[in-house]
N, C-alpha and C. Protein backbone atom coordinates (compact mmCIF):
# COMPACT_ATOMS: atom_id res chain seq x y z
N UNK A 1 0.85 -1.17 0.00
CA UNK A 1 0.00 0.00 0.00
C UNK A 1 0.90 1.24 0.00
N UNK A 2 0.57 2.22 -0.83
CA UNK A 2 1.34 3.45 -0.94
C UNK A 2 0.81 4.48 0.05
N UNK A 3 1.71 5.12 0.81
CA UNK A 3 1.24 6.13 1.77
C UNK A 3 0.63 7.33 1.04
N UNK A 4 -0.31 7.96 1.69
CA UNK A 4 -0.95 9.15 1.11
C UNK A 4 0.06 10.27 1.00
N UNK A 5 -0.02 11.06 -0.09
CA UNK A 5 0.93 12.18 -0.22
C UNK A 5 0.72 13.20 0.89
N UNK A 6 1.80 13.78 1.32
CA UNK A 6 1.72 14.81 2.36
C UNK A 6 1.33 16.13 1.72
N UNK A 7 0.48 16.84 2.38
CA UNK A 7 0.09 18.15 1.88
C UNK A 7 1.02 19.21 2.47
N UNK A 8 1.08 20.34 1.79
CA UNK A 8 1.89 21.46 2.27
C UNK A 8 1.31 21.97 3.58
N UNK A 9 2.16 22.55 4.44
CA UNK A 9 1.64 23.13 5.69
C UNK A 9 0.56 24.16 5.39
N UNK A 10 -0.47 24.18 6.19
CA UNK A 10 -1.56 25.12 5.98
C UNK A 10 -1.43 26.29 6.93
N UNK A 11 -1.93 27.44 6.46
CA UNK A 11 -1.96 28.61 7.31
C UNK A 11 -3.05 28.42 8.36
N UNK A 12 -2.80 28.89 9.56
CA UNK A 12 -3.77 28.75 10.64
C UNK A 12 -4.21 30.14 11.08
N UNK A 13 -5.50 30.34 11.08
CA UNK A 13 -6.09 31.59 11.55
C UNK A 13 -6.94 31.24 12.76
N UNK A 14 -6.94 32.12 13.75
CA UNK A 14 -7.73 31.85 14.95
C UNK A 14 -8.56 33.08 15.26
N UNK A 15 -9.84 32.87 15.54
CA UNK A 15 -10.72 33.95 15.95
C UNK A 15 -11.36 33.54 17.26
N UNK A 16 -11.21 34.37 18.27
CA UNK A 16 -11.81 34.13 19.58
C UNK A 16 -12.84 35.22 19.86
N UNK A 17 -13.91 34.84 20.49
CA UNK A 17 -14.92 35.79 20.94
C UNK A 17 -14.56 36.16 22.37
N UNK A 18 -14.52 37.44 22.65
CA UNK A 18 -14.21 37.89 24.01
C UNK A 18 -15.50 37.90 24.82
N UNK A 19 -15.69 36.94 25.74
CA UNK A 19 -16.93 36.81 26.49
C UNK A 19 -17.35 38.12 27.16
N UNK A 20 -18.65 38.36 27.14
CA UNK A 20 -19.21 39.55 27.76
C UNK A 20 -19.14 40.78 26.87
N UNK A 21 -18.64 40.60 25.64
CA UNK A 21 -18.54 41.72 24.69
C UNK A 21 -19.06 41.27 23.33
N UNK A 22 -19.06 42.19 22.40
CA UNK A 22 -19.37 41.88 21.00
C UNK A 22 -18.08 41.87 20.18
N UNK A 23 -16.96 41.69 20.85
CA UNK A 23 -15.65 41.83 20.20
C UNK A 23 -15.08 40.46 19.82
N UNK A 24 -14.55 40.39 18.60
CA UNK A 24 -13.82 39.23 18.12
C UNK A 24 -12.34 39.58 18.10
N UNK A 25 -11.51 38.65 18.50
CA UNK A 25 -10.06 38.86 18.49
C UNK A 25 -9.45 37.82 17.55
N UNK A 26 -8.81 38.29 16.48
CA UNK A 26 -8.22 37.39 15.50
C UNK A 26 -6.72 37.39 15.57
N UNK A 27 -6.15 36.21 15.34
CA UNK A 27 -4.70 36.06 15.28
C UNK A 27 -4.36 35.31 14.00
N UNK A 28 -3.48 35.88 13.20
CA UNK A 28 -3.04 35.26 11.95
C UNK A 28 -1.90 34.30 12.21
N UNK A 29 -1.61 33.45 11.25
CA UNK A 29 -0.50 32.52 11.36
C UNK A 29 0.84 33.24 11.51
N UNK A 30 0.91 34.53 11.11
CA UNK A 30 2.16 35.28 11.23
C UNK A 30 2.31 35.93 12.60
N UNK A 31 1.25 35.88 13.42
CA UNK A 31 1.30 36.48 14.74
C UNK A 31 0.61 37.83 14.82
N UNK A 32 0.23 38.41 13.67
CA UNK A 32 -0.49 39.68 13.68
C UNK A 32 -1.85 39.49 14.35
N UNK A 33 -2.33 40.53 15.05
CA UNK A 33 -3.61 40.45 15.75
C UNK A 33 -4.51 41.60 15.33
N UNK A 34 -5.82 41.38 15.45
CA UNK A 34 -6.81 42.38 15.06
C UNK A 34 -8.07 42.13 15.87
N UNK A 35 -8.79 43.20 16.22
CA UNK A 35 -10.08 43.05 16.88
C UNK A 35 -11.14 43.74 16.05
N UNK A 36 -12.36 43.21 16.09
CA UNK A 36 -13.48 43.78 15.35
C UNK A 36 -14.77 43.26 15.96
N UNK A 37 -15.84 44.01 15.76
CA UNK A 37 -17.16 43.55 16.20
C UNK A 37 -17.89 42.81 15.08
N UNK A 38 -17.52 43.08 13.85
CA UNK A 38 -18.18 42.49 12.68
C UNK A 38 -17.40 41.27 12.19
N UNK A 39 -18.02 40.10 12.16
CA UNK A 39 -17.31 38.90 11.69
C UNK A 39 -16.81 39.03 10.25
N UNK A 40 -17.57 39.71 9.40
CA UNK A 40 -17.14 39.89 8.00
C UNK A 40 -15.86 40.73 7.97
N UNK A 41 -15.82 41.79 8.75
CA UNK A 41 -14.62 42.62 8.82
C UNK A 41 -13.42 41.80 9.29
N UNK A 42 -13.65 40.95 10.29
CA UNK A 42 -12.56 40.11 10.81
C UNK A 42 -12.01 39.20 9.73
N UNK A 43 -12.87 38.49 9.01
CA UNK A 43 -12.38 37.56 8.00
C UNK A 43 -11.76 38.28 6.81
N UNK A 44 -12.28 39.44 6.46
CA UNK A 44 -11.65 40.22 5.40
C UNK A 44 -10.23 40.60 5.81
N UNK A 45 -10.05 41.01 7.06
CA UNK A 45 -8.71 41.33 7.54
C UNK A 45 -7.82 40.09 7.49
N UNK A 46 -8.34 38.98 7.98
CA UNK A 46 -7.55 37.75 8.00
C UNK A 46 -7.03 37.38 6.61
N UNK A 47 -7.89 37.53 5.62
CA UNK A 47 -7.54 37.07 4.29
C UNK A 47 -6.82 38.10 3.44
N UNK A 48 -6.80 39.37 3.86
CA UNK A 48 -6.19 40.39 3.01
C UNK A 48 -5.11 41.23 3.68
N UNK A 49 -4.81 41.01 4.97
CA UNK A 49 -3.78 41.87 5.56
C UNK A 49 -2.46 41.61 4.86
N UNK A 50 -1.48 42.45 5.03
CA UNK A 50 -0.31 42.48 4.15
C UNK A 50 0.23 41.12 3.73
N UNK A 51 0.38 40.98 2.43
CA UNK A 51 0.93 39.76 1.88
C UNK A 51 2.44 39.75 2.06
N UNK A 52 3.03 38.58 1.96
CA UNK A 52 4.47 38.45 2.07
C UNK A 52 4.97 38.17 3.47
N UNK A 53 4.06 38.13 4.44
CA UNK A 53 4.50 37.82 5.80
C UNK A 53 4.69 36.32 5.91
N UNK A 54 5.43 35.90 6.91
CA UNK A 54 5.71 34.49 7.10
C UNK A 54 5.20 34.03 8.45
N UNK A 55 4.94 32.74 8.58
CA UNK A 55 4.45 32.22 9.87
C UNK A 55 5.43 32.52 11.00
N UNK A 56 4.89 32.70 12.19
CA UNK A 56 5.69 32.95 13.38
C UNK A 56 6.72 31.82 13.52
N UNK A 57 7.95 32.19 13.80
CA UNK A 57 9.01 31.19 13.99
C UNK A 57 9.78 30.89 12.73
N UNK A 58 9.32 31.38 11.56
CA UNK A 58 10.05 31.14 10.31
C UNK A 58 11.13 32.19 10.15
N UNK A 59 12.19 31.80 9.62
CA UNK A 59 13.30 32.72 9.32
C UNK A 59 13.52 32.69 7.82
N UNK A 60 13.86 33.81 7.25
CA UNK A 60 14.10 33.72 5.83
C UNK A 60 14.41 34.99 5.27
């Protein structure tokens, strides 16, 4: 049996809701953070904030 091909590392985005508020706190795979009350605004930021950044811990 042939092992399944490995996929490339995926970017990880995290969005937490701050209890007791209407605030969402997002953290990108590069370590950048953002807060917003609108979920659409949060995801737009996640997907469009400056390109060319690298994941936290990467050197290059």
